[in-house]
Every structure is written in C-alpha cells, then in structure tokens.
Amino acid sequence: MAFSETLKYLREEKQITQKELAAACKLSPQCICALEQGTRNPTGSTVAVLAQFFEVSADYLLGLEDDFGARAAAPMHSAHSSEETRLLEIYRKLSPEMQSTLWSLLETWNPSTTRKNKV
C-alpha cells in the first residue's frame, strides 16, 4: 500500500478528521490532505511523528513491511487492492466467533478444496 493510502487508512481507523490529526501531530491540515492525496511526500520527521501517533513502525507507513511486520524486498506500492483492504478492515472488526464462521464459509467456497473433496 502506498504511504498516502496507509495514512488515510490509519486515520479513518482511528475515526479522526484530517484537522484533528494535524493538530495532534503539530502539522497543518493542508499537509495531511496533501499527504493523503499523494501530492506531497513526507519528510523523515513527519513520518516519525505519524508513526508515533498511530503506534506503527515508520517502515509500515512507508510500505516497507506489511500488516504483520514482515519486511518486503521493495516498497509495496499496491500490496492490496482497495477491495482487499476493505475486506481486511471488516474482518478485523468481527468477533472471534464470526471470524471462525467466515473461515468455515470461505473453505467451502475454495475451488482447490472443492476439487480435492471430489477426488
């Protein structure tokens, strides 16, 4: 995911506005807007402030590691489509019981599982 997408995702997960994020990080609202739109690249100090605010690594913000902390060989500028990112957001909000139910359902739809069961 690109920096701009990651920043917007984290801000929306925290349910705060660009203005609130800007105030909390002592940045201008215009800076946050430009960073989220990808029209401005962050400075090192901006990355550090945002990483500390969101309690994530700078590498995660920059797309150098995934959601689980695994390092990437190169920046992951589109590791997930917007649909995959949305699915991940929804999944993380489910209760453990609902996650288990969803996994069971997905296993029944998995074409490779279905073929193995028919053989």
PDB file of N, CA and C in Angstrom:
ATOM      1  N   MET A   1       0.853  -1.163   0.000  1.00  0.00           N
ATOM      2  CA  MET A   1       0.000   0.000   0.000  1.00  0.00           C
ATOM      3  C   MET A   1       0.909   1.239   0.000  1.00  0.00           C
ATOM      4  N   ALA A   2       0.534   2.243  -0.743  1.00  0.00           N
ATOM      5  CA  ALA A   2       1.288   3.485  -0.792  1.00  0.00           C
ATOM      6  C   ALA A   2       1.145   4.242   0.526  1.00  0.00           C
ATOM      7  N   PHE A   3       2.114   5.111   0.805  1.00  0.00           N
ATOM      8  CA  PHE A   3       2.087   5.905   2.026  1.00  0.00           C
ATOM      9  C   PHE A   3       0.758   6.640   2.172  1.00  0.00           C
ATOM     10  N   SER A   4       0.307   7.271   1.089  1.00  0.00           N
ATOM     11  CA  SER A   4      -0.931   8.056   1.143  1.00  0.00           C
ATOM     12  C   SER A   4      -2.123   7.191   1.560  1.00  0.00           C
ATOM     13  N   GLU A   5      -2.205   5.978   1.014  1.00  0.00           N
ATOM     14  CA  GLU A   5      -3.308   5.071   1.348  1.00  0.00           C
ATOM     15  C   GLU A   5      -3.208   4.596   2.792  1.00  0.00           C
ATOM     16  N   THR A   6      -1.991   4.289   3.218  1.00  0.00           N
ATOM     17  CA  THR A   6      -1.778   3.821   4.591  1.00  0.00           C
ATOM     18  C   THR A   6      -2.160   4.899   5.591  1.00  0.00           C
ATOM     19  N   LEU A   7      -1.743   6.131   5.321  1.00  0.00           N
ATOM     20  CA  LEU A   7      -2.064   7.244   6.214  1.00  0.00           C
ATOM     21  C   LEU A   7      -3.573   7.430   6.328  1.00  0.00           C
ATOM     22  N   LYS A   8      -4.255   7.446   5.203  1.00  0.00           N
ATOM     23  CA  LYS A   8      -5.714   7.624   5.220  1.00  0.00           C
ATOM     24  C   LYS A   8      -6.390   6.463   5.942  1.00  0.00           C
ATOM     25  N   TYR A   9      -5.923   5.245   5.678  1.00  0.00           N
ATOM     26  CA  TYR A   9      -6.490   4.061   6.330  1.00  0.00           C
ATOM     27  C   TYR A   9      -6.348   4.175   7.860  1.00  0.00           C
ATOM     28  N   LEU A  10      -5.151   4.512   8.328  1.00  0.00           N
ATOM     29  CA  LEU A  10      -4.919   4.602   9.768  1.00  0.00           C
ATOM     30  C   LEU A  10      -5.763   5.710  10.395  1.00  0.00           C
ATOM     31  N   ARG A  11      -5.863   6.850   9.708  1.00  0.00           N
ATOM     32  CA  ARG A  11      -6.657   7.960  10.233  1.00  0.00           C
ATOM     33  C   ARG A  11      -8.132   7.572  10.335  1.00  0.00           C
ATOM     34  N   GLU A  12      -8.628   6.931   9.292  1.00  0.00           N
ATOM     35  CA  GLU A  12     -10.038   6.527   9.313  1.00  0.00           C
ATOM     36  C   GLU A  12     -10.302   5.437  10.350  1.00  0.00           C
ATOM     37  N   GLU A  13      -9.346   4.529  10.538  1.00  0.00           N
ATOM     38  CA  GLU A  13      -9.493   3.501  11.577  1.00  0.00           C
ATOM     39  C   GLU A  13      -9.606   4.137  12.963  1.00  0.00           C
ATOM     40  N   LYS A  14      -8.875   5.223  13.170  1.00  0.00           N
ATOM     41  CA  LYS A  14      -8.900   5.928  14.454  1.00  0.00           C
ATOM     42  C   LYS A  14     -10.112   6.861  14.559  1.00  0.00           C
ATOM     43  N   GLN A  15     -10.837   6.986  13.441  1.00  0.00           N
ATOM     44  CA  GLN A  15     -12.047   7.800  13.369  1.00  0.00           C
ATOM     45  C   GLN A  15     -11.794   9.249  13.766  1.00  0.00           C
ATOM     46  N   ILE A  16     -10.766   9.830  13.134  1.00  0.00           N
ATOM     47  CA  ILE A  16     -10.457  11.242  13.360  1.00  0.00           C
ATOM     48  C   ILE A  16     -10.400  11.952  12.009  1.00  0.00           C
ATOM     49  N   THR A  17     -10.590  13.243  12.050  1.00  0.00           N
ATOM     50  CA  THR A  17     -10.540  14.045  10.831  1.00  0.00           C
ATOM     51  C   THR A  17      -9.093  14.407  10.507  1.00  0.00           C
ATOM     52  N   GLN A  18      -8.889  14.896   9.300  1.00  0.00           N
ATOM     53  CA  GLN A  18      -7.566  15.378   8.916  1.00  0.00           C
ATOM     54  C   GLN A  18      -7.149  16.527   9.832  1.00  0.00           C
ATOM     55  N   LYS A  19      -8.094  17.373  10.156  1.00  0.00           N
ATOM     56  CA  LYS A  19      -7.806  18.521  11.024  1.00  0.00           C
ATOM     57  C   LYS A  19      -7.374  18.057  12.419  1.00  0.00           C
ATOM     58  N   GLU A  20      -8.055  17.049  12.960  1.00  0.00           N
ATOM     59  CA  GLU A  20      -7.699  16.526  14.294  1.00  0.00           C
ATOM     60  C   GLU A  20      -6.314  15.877  14.261  1.00  0.00           C
ATOM     61  N   LEU A  21      -6.025  15.129  13.197  1.00  0.00           N
ATOM     62  CA  LEU A  21      -4.710  14.512  13.071  1.00  0.00           C
ATOM     63  C   LEU A  21      -3.629  15.577  12.977  1.00  0.00           C
ATOM     64  N   ALA A  22      -3.888  16.596  12.176  1.00  0.00           N
ATOM     65  CA  ALA A  22      -2.923  17.679  12.019  1.00  0.00           C
ATOM     66  C   ALA A  22      -2.616  18.342  13.365  1.00  0.00           C
ATOM     67  N   ALA A  23      -3.657  18.629  14.134  1.00  0.00           N
ATOM     68  CA  ALA A  23      -3.473  19.276  15.437  1.00  0.00           C
ATOM     69  C   ALA A  23      -2.683  18.380  16.389  1.00  0.00           C
ATOM     70  N   ALA A  24      -3.012  17.096  16.394  1.00  0.00           N
ATOM     71  CA  ALA A  24      -2.339  16.158  17.299  1.00  0.00           C
ATOM     72  C   ALA A  24      -0.862  15.995  16.958  1.00  0.00           C
ATOM     73  N   CYS A  25      -0.533  16.119  15.686  1.00  0.00           N
ATOM     74  CA  CYS A  25       0.855  15.912  15.242  1.00  0.00           C
ATOM     75  C   CYS A  25       1.591  17.217  14.966  1.00  0.00           C
ATOM     76  N   LYS A  26       0.933  18.339  15.276  1.00  0.00           N
ATOM     77  CA  LYS A  26       1.520  19.664  15.050  1.00  0.00           C
ATOM     78  C   LYS A  26       1.929  19.866  13.590  1.00  0.00           C
ATOM     79  N   LEU A  27       1.003  19.473  12.693  1.00  0.00           N
ATOM     80  CA  LEU A  27       1.165  19.672  11.259  1.00  0.00           C
ATOM     81  C   LEU A  27      -0.026  20.491  10.772  1.00  0.00           C
ATOM     82  N   SER A  28       0.070  21.010   9.586  1.00  0.00           N
ATOM     83  CA  SER A  28      -1.072  21.763   9.053  1.00  0.00           C
ATOM     84  C   SER A  28      -2.086  20.800   8.445  1.00  0.00           C
ATOM     85  N   PRO A  29      -3.357  21.171   8.470  1.00  0.00           N
ATOM     86  CA  PRO A  29      -4.364  20.340   7.814  1.00  0.00           C
ATOM     87  C   PRO A  29      -4.073  20.181   6.315  1.00  0.00           C
ATOM     88  N   GLN A  30      -3.513  21.216   5.691  1.00  0.00           N
ATOM     89  CA  GLN A  30      -3.158  21.146   4.279  1.00  0.00           C
ATOM     90  C   GLN A  30      -2.073  20.099   4.037  1.00  0.00           C
ATOM     91  N   CYS A  31      -1.159  19.962   4.983  1.00  0.00           N
ATOM     92  CA  CYS A  31      -0.104  18.949   4.883  1.00  0.00           C
ATOM     93  C   CYS A  31      -0.712  17.556   4.914  1.00  0.00           C
ATOM     94  N   ILE A  32      -1.602  17.313   5.857  1.00  0.00           N
ATOM     95  CA  ILE A  32      -2.242  15.990   5.963  1.00  0.00           C
ATOM     96  C   ILE A  32      -3.033  15.695   4.692  1.00  0.00           C
ATOM     97  N   CYS A  33      -3.759  16.673   4.203  1.00  0.00           N
ATOM     98  CA  CYS A  33      -4.550  16.496   2.983  1.00  0.00           C
ATOM     99  C   CYS A  33      -3.638  16.134   1.808  1.00  0.00           C
ATOM    100  N   ALA A  34      -2.563  16.866   1.633  1.00  0.00           N
ATOM    101  CA  ALA A  34      -1.632  16.611   0.527  1.00  0.00           C
ATOM    102  C   ALA A  34      -0.964  15.246   0.665  1.00  0.00           C
ATOM    103  N   LEU A  35      -0.629  14.842   1.901  1.00  0.00           N
ATOM    104  CA  LEU A  35      -0.024  13.527   2.122  1.00  0.00           C
ATOM    105  C   LEU A  35      -1.000  12.415   1.762  1.00  0.00           C
ATOM    106  N   GLU A  36      -2.259  12.574   2.142  1.00  0.00           N
ATOM    107  CA  GLU A  36      -3.265  11.558   1.832  1.00  0.00           C
ATOM    108  C   GLU A  36      -3.594  11.506   0.343  1.00  0.00           C
ATOM    109  N   GLN A  37      -3.487  12.625  -0.332  1.00  0.00           N
ATOM    110  CA  GLN A  37      -3.751  12.652  -1.769  1.00  0.00           C
ATOM    111  C   GLN A  37      -2.527  12.204  -2.584  1.00  0.00           C
ATOM    112  N   GLY A  38      -1.388  12.104  -1.928  1.00  0.00           N
ATOM    113  CA  GLY A  38      -0.173  11.694  -2.613  1.00  0.00           C
ATOM    114  C   GLY A  38       0.467  12.800  -3.427  1.00  0.00           C
ATOM    115  N   THR A  39       0.059  14.037  -3.186  1.00  0.00           N
ATOM    116  CA  THR A  39       0.655  15.163  -3.914  1.00  0.00           C
ATOM    117  C   THR A  39       1.866  15.739  -3.188  1.00  0.00           C
ATOM    118  N   ARG A  40       2.142  15.218  -2.008  1.00  0.00           N
ATOM    119  CA  ARG A  40       3.300  15.660  -1.220  1.00  0.00           C
ATOM    120  C   ARG A  40       3.935  14.437  -0.585  1.00  0.00           C
ATOM    121  N   ASN A  41       5.250  14.375  -0.610  1.00  0.00           N
ATOM    122  CA  ASN A  41       5.978  13.291   0.056  1.00  0.00           C
ATOM    123  C   ASN A  41       6.317  13.715   1.474  1.00  0.00           C
ATOM    124  N   PRO A  42       6.252  12.782   2.417  1.00  0.00           N
ATOM    125  CA  PRO A  42       6.547  13.138   3.807  1.00  0.00           C
ATOM    126  C   PRO A  42       8.044  13.296   4.041  1.00  0.00           C
ATOM    127  N   THR A  43       8.381  14.167   4.960  1.00  0.00           N
ATOM    128  CA  THR A  43       9.768  14.273   5.405  1.00  0.00           C
ATOM    129  C   THR A  43      10.013  13.174   6.440  1.00  0.00           C
ATOM    130  N   GLY A  44      11.246  12.947   6.761  1.00  0.00           N
ATOM    131  CA  GLY A  44      11.579  11.948   7.776  1.00  0.00           C
ATOM    132  C   GLY A  44      10.945  12.269   9.118  1.00  0.00           C
ATOM    133  N   SER A  45      10.954  13.537   9.489  1.00  0.00           N
ATOM    134  CA  SER A  45      10.374  13.914  10.784  1.00  0.00           C
ATOM    135  C   SER A  45       8.854  13.744  10.781  1.00  0.00           C
ATOM    136  N   THR A  46       8.223  13.983   9.641  1.00  0.00           N
ATOM    137  CA  THR A  46       6.770  13.783   9.538  1.00  0.00           C
ATOM    138  C   THR A  46       6.428  12.307   9.676  1.00  0.00           C
ATOM    139  N   VAL A  47       7.200  11.455   9.025  1.00  0.00           N
ATOM    140  CA  VAL A  47       6.988  10.006   9.146  1.00  0.00           C
ATOM    141  C   VAL A  47       7.136   9.585  10.602  1.00  0.00           C
ATOM    142  N   ALA A  48       8.158  10.091  11.266  1.00  0.00           N
ATOM    143  CA  ALA A  48       8.400   9.729  12.667  1.00  0.00           C
ATOM    144  C   ALA A  48       7.236  10.150  13.561  1.00  0.00           C
ATOM    145  N   VAL A  49       6.737  11.369  13.369  1.00  0.00           N
ATOM    146  CA  VAL A  49       5.624  11.871  14.184  1.00  0.00           C
ATOM    147  C   VAL A  49       4.363  11.040  13.944  1.00  0.00           C
ATOM    148  N   LEU A  50       4.070  10.754  12.676  1.00  0.00           N
ATOM    149  CA  LEU A  50       2.872   9.979  12.355  1.00  0.00           C
ATOM    150  C   LEU A  50       2.976   8.542  12.857  1.00  0.00           C
ATOM    151  N   ALA A  51       4.159   7.943  12.721  1.00  0.00           N
ATOM    152  CA  ALA A  51       4.356   6.575  13.212  1.00  0.00           C
ATOM    153  C   ALA A  51       4.139   6.510  14.724  1.00  0.00           C
ATOM    154  N   GLN A  52       4.659   7.494  15.429  1.00  0.00           N
ATOM    155  CA  GLN A  52       4.476   7.522  16.883  1.00  0.00           C
ATOM    156  C   GLN A  52       3.001   7.722  17.228  1.00  0.00           C
ATOM    157  N   PHE A  53       2.321   8.605  16.536  1.00  0.00           N
ATOM    158  CA  PHE A  53       0.909   8.867  16.816  1.00  0.00           C
ATOM    159  C   PHE A  53       0.065   7.611  16.608  1.00  0.00           C
ATOM    160  N   PHE A  54       0.298   6.903  15.485  1.00  0.00           N
ATOM    161  CA  PHE A  54      -0.510   5.730  15.168  1.00  0.00           C
ATOM    162  C   PHE A  54       0.028   4.442  15.801  1.00  0.00           C
ATOM    163  N   GLU A  55       1.162   4.540  16.482  1.00  0.00           N
ATOM    164  CA  GLU A  55       1.793   3.389  17.136  1.00  0.00           C
ATOM    165  C   GLU A  55       2.094   2.271  16.141  1.00  0.00           C
ATOM    166  N   VAL A  56       2.686   2.671  15.007  1.00  0.00           N
ATOM    167  CA  VAL A  56       3.141   1.730  13.985  1.00  0.00           C
ATOM    168  C   VAL A  56       4.592   2.077  13.662  1.00  0.00           C
ATOM    169  N   SER A  57       5.253   1.199  12.928  1.00  0.00           N
ATOM    170  CA  SER A  57       6.626   1.495  12.539  1.00  0.00           C
ATOM    171  C   SER A  57       6.646   2.436  11.344  1.00  0.00           C
ATOM    172  N   ALA A  58       7.734   3.164  11.211  1.00  0.00           N
ATOM    173  CA  ALA A  58       7.922   4.013  10.037  1.00  0.00           C
ATOM    174  C   ALA A  58       7.951   3.144   8.782  1.00  0.00           C
ATOM    175  N   ASP A  59       8.523   1.958   8.885  1.00  0.00           N
ATOM    176  CA  ASP A  59       8.561   1.044   7.743  1.00  0.00           C
ATOM    177  C   ASP A  59       7.158   0.663   7.285  1.00  0.00           C
ATOM    178  N   TYR A  60       6.248   0.457   8.223  1.00  0.00           N
ATOM    179  CA  TYR A  60       4.863   0.146   7.854  1.00  0.00           C
ATOM    180  C   TYR A  60       4.243   1.327   7.106  1.00  0.00           C
ATOM    181  N   LEU A  61       4.429   2.534   7.642  1.00  0.00           N
ATOM    182  CA  LEU A  61       3.875   3.715   6.983  1.00  0.00           C
ATOM    183  C   LEU A  61       4.422   3.879   5.563  1.00  0.00           C
ATOM    184  N   LEU A  62       5.686   3.552   5.375  1.00  0.00           N
ATOM    185  CA  LEU A  62       6.324   3.732   4.075  1.00  0.00           C
ATOM    186  C   LEU A  62       6.112   2.552   3.128  1.00  0.00           C
ATOM    187  N   GLY A  63       5.423   1.524   3.599  1.00  0.00           N
ATOM    188  CA  GLY A  63       5.157   0.369   2.743  1.00  0.00           C
ATOM    189  C   GLY A  63       6.319  -0.600   2.652  1.00  0.00           C
ATOM    190  N   LEU A  64       7.239  -0.541   3.621  1.00  0.00           N
ATOM    191  CA  LEU A  64       8.398  -1.435   3.607  1.00  0.00           C
ATOM    192  C   LEU A  64       8.164  -2.713   4.396  1.00  0.00           C
ATOM    193  N   GLU A  65       7.058  -2.770   5.110  1.00  0.00           N
ATOM    194  CA  GLU A  65       6.653  -4.001   5.795  1.00  0.00           C
ATOM    195  C   GLU A  65       5.147  -4.085   5.755  1.00  0.00           C
ATOM    196  N   ASP A  66       4.636  -5.312   5.872  1.00  0.00           N
ATOM    197  CA  ASP A  66       3.185  -5.497   5.788  1.00  0.00           C
ATOM    198  C   ASP A  66       2.526  -5.352   7.151  1.00  0.00           C
ATOM    199  N   ASP A  67       1.237  -5.661   7.200  1.00  0.00           N
ATOM    200  CA  ASP A  67       0.451  -5.529   8.430  1.00  0.00           C
ATOM    201  C   ASP A  67       0.994  -6.367   9.576  1.00  0.00           C
ATOM    202  N   PHE A  68       1.737  -7.417   9.241  1.00  0.00           N
ATOM    203  CA  PHE A  68       2.228  -8.348  10.252  1.00  0.00           C
ATOM    204  C   PHE A  68       3.695  -8.127  10.585  1.00  0.00           C
ATOM    205  N   GLY A  69       4.301  -7.081  10.021  1.00  0.00           N
ATOM    206  CA  GLY A  69       5.692  -6.769  10.314  1.00  0.00           C
ATOM    207  C   GLY A  69       6.700  -7.469   9.429  1.00  0.00           C
ATOM    208  N   ALA A  70       6.222  -8.207   8.421  1.00  0.00           N
ATOM    209  CA  ALA A  70       7.151  -8.887   7.511  1.00  0.00           C
ATOM    210  C   ALA A  70       7.770  -7.861   6.576  1.00  0.00           C
ATOM    211  N   ARG A  71       9.087  -7.926   6.444  1.00  0.00           N
ATOM    212  CA  ARG A  71       9.808  -6.995   5.582  1.00  0.00           C
ATOM    213  C   ARG A  71       9.579  -7.342   4.121  1.00  0.00           C
ATOM    214  N   ALA A  72       9.482  -6.343   3.305  1.00  0.00           N
ATOM    215  CA  ALA A  72       9.332  -6.529   1.862  1.00  0.00           C
ATOM    216  C   ALA A  72      10.664  -6.256   1.191  1.00  0.00           C
ATOM    217  N   ALA A  73      10.918  -6.926   0.088  1.00  0.00           N
ATOM    218  CA  ALA A  73      12.156  -6.713  -0.655  1.00  0.00           C
ATOM    219  C   ALA A  73      12.174  -5.319  -1.267  1.00  0.00           C
ATOM    220  N   ALA A  74      11.020  -4.814  -1.657  1.00  0.00           N
ATOM    221  CA  ALA A  74      10.892  -3.489  -2.239  1.00  0.00           C
ATOM    222  C   ALA A  74       9.619  -2.862  -1.690  1.00  0.00           C
ATOM    223  N   PRO A  75       9.495  -1.557  -1.789  1.00  0.00           N
ATOM    224  CA  PRO A  75       8.261  -0.931  -1.295  1.00  0.00           C
ATOM    225  C   PRO A  75       7.029  -1.555  -1.930  1.00  0.00           C
ATOM    226  N   MET A  76       6.013  -1.764  -1.103  1.00  0.00           N
ATOM    227  CA  MET A  76       4.785  -2.395  -1.562  1.00  0.00           C
ATOM    228  C   MET A  76       3.785  -1.320  -1.945  1.00  0.00           C
ATOM    229  N   HIS A  77       3.892  -0.821  -3.156  1.00  0.00           N
ATOM    230  CA  HIS A  77       3.052   0.291  -3.574  1.00  0.00           C
ATOM    231  C   HIS A  77       1.664  -0.123  -3.991  1.00  0.00           C
ATOM    232  N   SER A  78       1.282  -1.300  -3.933  1.00  0.00           N
ATOM    233  CA  SER A  78      -0.087  -1.727  -4.187  1.00  0.00           C
ATOM    234  C   SER A  78      -0.223  -3.162  -3.723  1.00  0.00           C
ATOM    235  N   ALA A  79       0.205  -3.417  -2.514  1.00  0.00           N
ATOM    236  CA  ALA A  79       0.166  -4.772  -1.994  1.00  0.00           C
ATOM    237  C   ALA A  79      -1.263  -5.302  -1.943  1.00  0.00           C
ATOM    238  N   HIS A  80      -2.193  -4.441  -1.625  1.00  0.00           N
ATOM    239  CA  HIS A  80      -3.597  -4.830  -1.562  1.00  0.00           C
ATOM    240  C   HIS A  80      -4.415  -3.904  -2.444  1.00  0.00           C
ATOM    241  N   SER A  81      -5.376  -4.464  -3.118  1.00  0.00           N
ATOM    242  CA  SER A  81      -6.332  -3.615  -3.839  1.00  0.00           C
ATOM    243  C   SER A  81      -7.218  -2.948  -2.794  1.00  0.00           C
ATOM    244  N   SER A  82      -7.958  -1.955  -3.213  1.00  0.00           N
ATOM    245  CA  SER A  82      -8.850  -1.281  -2.261  1.00  0.00           C
ATOM    246  C   SER A  82      -9.912  -2.248  -1.732  1.00  0.00           C
ATOM    247  N   GLU A  83     -10.346  -3.201  -2.573  1.00  0.00           N
ATOM    248  CA  GLU A  83     -11.321  -4.191  -2.116  1.00  0.00           C
ATOM    249  C   GLU A  83     -10.718  -5.112  -1.056  1.00  0.00           C
ATOM    250  N   GLU A  84      -9.465  -5.540  -1.276  1.00  0.00           N
ATOM    251  CA  GLU A  84      -8.807  -6.406  -0.292  1.00  0.00           C
ATOM    252  C   GLU A  84      -8.591  -5.662   1.014  1.00  0.00           C
ATOM    253  N   THR A  85      -8.222  -4.402   0.934  1.00  0.00           N
ATOM    254  CA  THR A  85      -8.031  -3.600   2.140  1.00  0.00           C
ATOM    255  C   THR A  85      -9.341  -3.476   2.898  1.00  0.00           C
ATOM    256  N   ARG A  86     -10.423  -3.257   2.191  1.00  0.00           N
ATOM    257  CA  ARG A  86     -11.744  -3.143   2.829  1.00  0.00           C
ATOM    258  C   ARG A  86     -12.136  -4.451   3.508  1.00  0.00           C
ATOM    259  N   LEU A  87     -11.877  -5.579   2.832  1.00  0.00           N
ATOM    260  CA  LEU A  87     -12.162  -6.887   3.442  1.00  0.00           C
ATOM    261  C   LEU A  87     -11.371  -7.075   4.728  1.00  0.00           C
ATOM    262  N   LEU A  88     -10.113  -6.675   4.712  1.00  0.00           N
ATOM    263  CA  LEU A  88      -9.273  -6.792   5.905  1.00  0.00           C
ATOM    264  C   LEU A  88      -9.828  -5.932   7.035  1.00  0.00           C
ATOM    265  N   GLU A  89     -10.259  -4.718   6.706  1.00  0.00           N
ATOM    266  CA  GLU A  89     -10.848  -3.831   7.714  1.00  0.00           C
ATOM    267  C   GLU A  89     -12.073  -4.475   8.359  1.00  0.00           C
ATOM    268  N   ILE A  90     -12.946  -5.019   7.523  1.00  0.00           N
ATOM    269  CA  ILE A  90     -14.172  -5.649   8.027  1.00  0.00           C
ATOM    270  C   ILE A  90     -13.828  -6.865   8.880  1.00  0.00           C
ATOM    271  N   TYR A  91     -12.923  -7.711   8.395  1.00  0.00           N
ATOM    272  CA  TYR A  91     -12.540  -8.929   9.111  1.00  0.00           C
ATOM    273  C   TYR A  91     -12.011  -8.597  10.507  1.00  0.00           C
ATOM    274  N   ARG A  92     -11.174  -7.575  10.606  1.00  0.00           N
ATOM    275  CA  ARG A  92     -10.588  -7.207  11.899  1.00  0.00           C
ATOM    276  C   ARG A  92     -11.623  -6.730  12.905  1.00  0.00           C
ATOM    277  N   LYS A  93     -12.765  -6.264  12.430  1.00  0.00           N
ATOM    278  CA  LYS A  93     -13.806  -5.773  13.327  1.00  0.00           C
ATOM    279  C   LYS A  93     -14.746  -6.883  13.789  1.00  0.00           C
ATOM    280  N   LEU A  94     -14.643  -8.067  13.193  1.00  0.00           N
ATOM    281  CA  LEU A  94     -15.513  -9.184  13.565  1.00  0.00           C
ATOM    282  C   LEU A  94     -15.077  -9.799  14.890  1.00  0.00           C
ATOM    283  N   SER A  95     -16.021 -10.377  15.579  1.00  0.00           N
ATOM    284  CA  SER A  95     -15.702 -11.120  16.803  1.00  0.00           C
ATOM    285  C   SER A  95     -14.948 -12.396  16.409  1.00  0.00           C
ATOM    286  N   PRO A  96     -14.224 -13.016  17.337  1.00  0.00           N
ATOM    287  CA  PRO A  96     -13.527 -14.271  17.020  1.00  0.00           C
ATOM    288  C   PRO A  96     -14.480 -15.353  16.499  1.00  0.00           C
ATOM    289  N   GLU A  97     -15.688 -15.393  17.033  1.00  0.00           N
ATOM    290  CA  GLU A  97     -16.655 -16.392  16.581  1.00  0.00           C
ATOM    291  C   GLU A  97     -17.056 -16.140  15.127  1.00  0.00           C
ATOM    292  N   MET A  98     -17.275 -14.878  14.789  1.00  0.00           N
ATOM    293  CA  MET A  98     -17.650 -14.533  13.417  1.00  0.00           C
ATOM    294  C   MET A  98     -16.477 -14.775  12.457  1.00  0.00           C
ATOM    295  N   GLN A  99     -15.249 -14.518  12.912  1.00  0.00           N
ATOM    296  CA  GLN A  99     -14.085 -14.802  12.076  1.00  0.00           C
ATOM    297  C   GLN A  99     -14.005 -16.294  11.775  1.00  0.00           C
ATOM    298  N   SER A 100     -14.250 -17.112  12.775  1.00  0.00           N
ATOM    299  CA  SER A 100     -14.235 -18.562  12.593  1.00  0.00           C
ATOM    300  C   SER A 100     -15.318 -19.007  11.615  1.00  0.00           C
ATOM    301  N   THR A 101     -16.498 -18.448  11.766  1.00  0.00           N
ATOM    302  CA  THR A 101     -17.599 -18.771  10.854  1.00  0.00           C
ATOM    303  C   THR A 101     -17.248 -18.371   9.421  1.00  0.00           C
ATOM    304  N   LEU A 102     -16.669 -17.206   9.276  1.00  0.00           N
ATOM    305  CA  LEU A 102     -16.275 -16.732   7.947  1.00  0.00           C
ATOM    306  C   LEU A 102     -15.238 -17.664   7.327  1.00  0.00           C
ATOM    307  N   TRP A 103     -14.253 -18.103   8.111  1.00  0.00           N
ATOM    308  CA  TRP A 103     -13.239 -19.033   7.598  1.00  0.00           C
ATOM    309  C   TRP A 103     -13.889 -20.334   7.133  1.00  0.00           C
ATOM    310  N   SER A 104     -14.832 -20.845   7.901  1.00  0.00           N
ATOM    311  CA  SER A 104     -15.521 -22.075   7.513  1.00  0.00           C
ATOM    312  C   SER A 104     -16.246 -21.890   6.185  1.00  0.00           C
ATOM    313  N   LEU A 105     -16.909 -20.770   6.050  1.00  0.00           N
ATOM    314  CA  LEU A 105     -17.620 -20.480   4.807  1.00  0.00           C
ATOM    315  C   LEU A 105     -16.653 -20.348   3.634  1.00  0.00           C
ATOM    316  N   LEU A 106     -15.552 -19.635   3.836  1.00  0.00           N
ATOM    317  CA  LEU A 106     -14.567 -19.473   2.765  1.00  0.00           C
ATOM    318  C   LEU A 106     -13.968 -20.812   2.334  1.00  0.00           C
ATOM    319  N   GLU A 107     -13.760 -21.690   3.276  1.00  0.00           N
ATOM    320  CA  GLU A 107     -13.218 -23.015   2.943  1.00  0.00           C
ATOM    321  C   GLU A 107     -14.178 -23.790   2.047  1.00  0.00           C
ATOM    322  N   THR A 108     -15.474 -23.607   2.240  1.00  0.00           N
ATOM    323  CA  THR A 108     -16.428 -24.320   1.384  1.00  0.00           C
ATOM    324  C   THR A 108     -16.446 -23.740  -0.023  1.00  0.00           C
ATOM    325  N   TRP A 109     -16.053 -22.475  -0.179  1.00  0.00           N
ATOM    326  CA  TRP A 109     -16.030 -21.828  -1.487  1.00  0.00           C
ATOM    327  C   TRP A 109     -14.692 -21.967  -2.187  1.00  0.00           C
ATOM    328  N   ASN A 110     -13.675 -22.430  -1.499  1.00  0.00           N
ATOM    329  CA  ASN A 110     -12.327 -22.517  -2.058  1.00  0.00           C
ATOM    330  C   ASN A 110     -12.304 -23.578  -3.159  1.00  0.00           C
ATOM    331  N   PRO A 111     -12.044 -23.187  -4.411  1.00  0.00           N
ATOM    332  CA  PRO A 111     -12.061 -24.156  -5.517  1.00  0.00           C
ATOM    333  C   PRO A 111     -11.068 -25.301  -5.332  1.00  0.00           C
ATOM    334  N   SER A 112      -9.896 -25.022  -4.784  1.00  0.00           N
ATOM    335  CA  SER A 112      -8.910 -26.111  -4.612  1.00  0.00           C
ATOM    336  C   SER A 112      -9.374 -27.111  -3.563  1.00  0.00           C
ATOM    337  N   THR A 113     -10.062 -26.639  -2.533  1.00  0.00           N
ATOM    338  CA  THR A 113     -10.613 -27.545  -1.511  1.00  0.00           C
ATOM    339  C   THR A 113     -11.737 -28.380  -2.118  1.00  0.00           C
ATOM    340  N   THR A 114     -12.582 -27.759  -2.902  1.00  0.00           N
ATOM    341  CA  THR A 114     -13.715 -28.456  -3.521  1.00  0.00           C
ATOM    342  C   THR A 114     -13.214 -29.561  -4.440  1.00  0.00           C
ATOM    343  N   ARG A 115     -12.206 -29.274  -5.249  1.00  0.00           N
ATOM    344  CA  ARG A 115     -11.668 -30.308  -6.155  1.00  0.00           C
ATOM    345  C   ARG A 115     -11.073 -31.476  -5.384  1.00  0.00           C
ATOM    346  N   LYS A 116     -10.370 -31.188  -4.318  1.00  0.00           N
ATOM    347  CA  LYS A 116      -9.764 -32.265  -3.534  1.00  0.00           C
ATOM    348  C   LYS A 116     -10.834 -33.152  -2.929  1.00  0.00           C
ATOM    349  N   ASN A 117     -11.933 -32.553  -2.494  1.00  0.00           N
ATOM    350  CA  ASN A 117     -13.003 -33.335  -1.880  1.00  0.00           C
ATOM    351  C   ASN A 117     -13.728 -34.230  -2.897  1.00  0.00           C
ATOM    352  N   LYS A 118     -13.735 -33.826  -4.175  1.00  0.00           N
ATOM    353  CA  LYS A 118     -14.419 -34.601  -5.199  1.00  0.00           C
ATOM    354  C   LYS A 118     -13.590 -35.803  -5.643  1.00  0.00           C
ATOM    355  N   VAL A 119     -12.280 -35.743  -5.466  1.00  0.00           N
ATOM    356  CA  VAL A 119     -11.402 -36.825  -5.931  1.00  0.00           C
ATOM    357  C   VAL A 119     -11.463 -38.009  -5.009  1.00  0.00           C
TER     358      VAL A 119
END
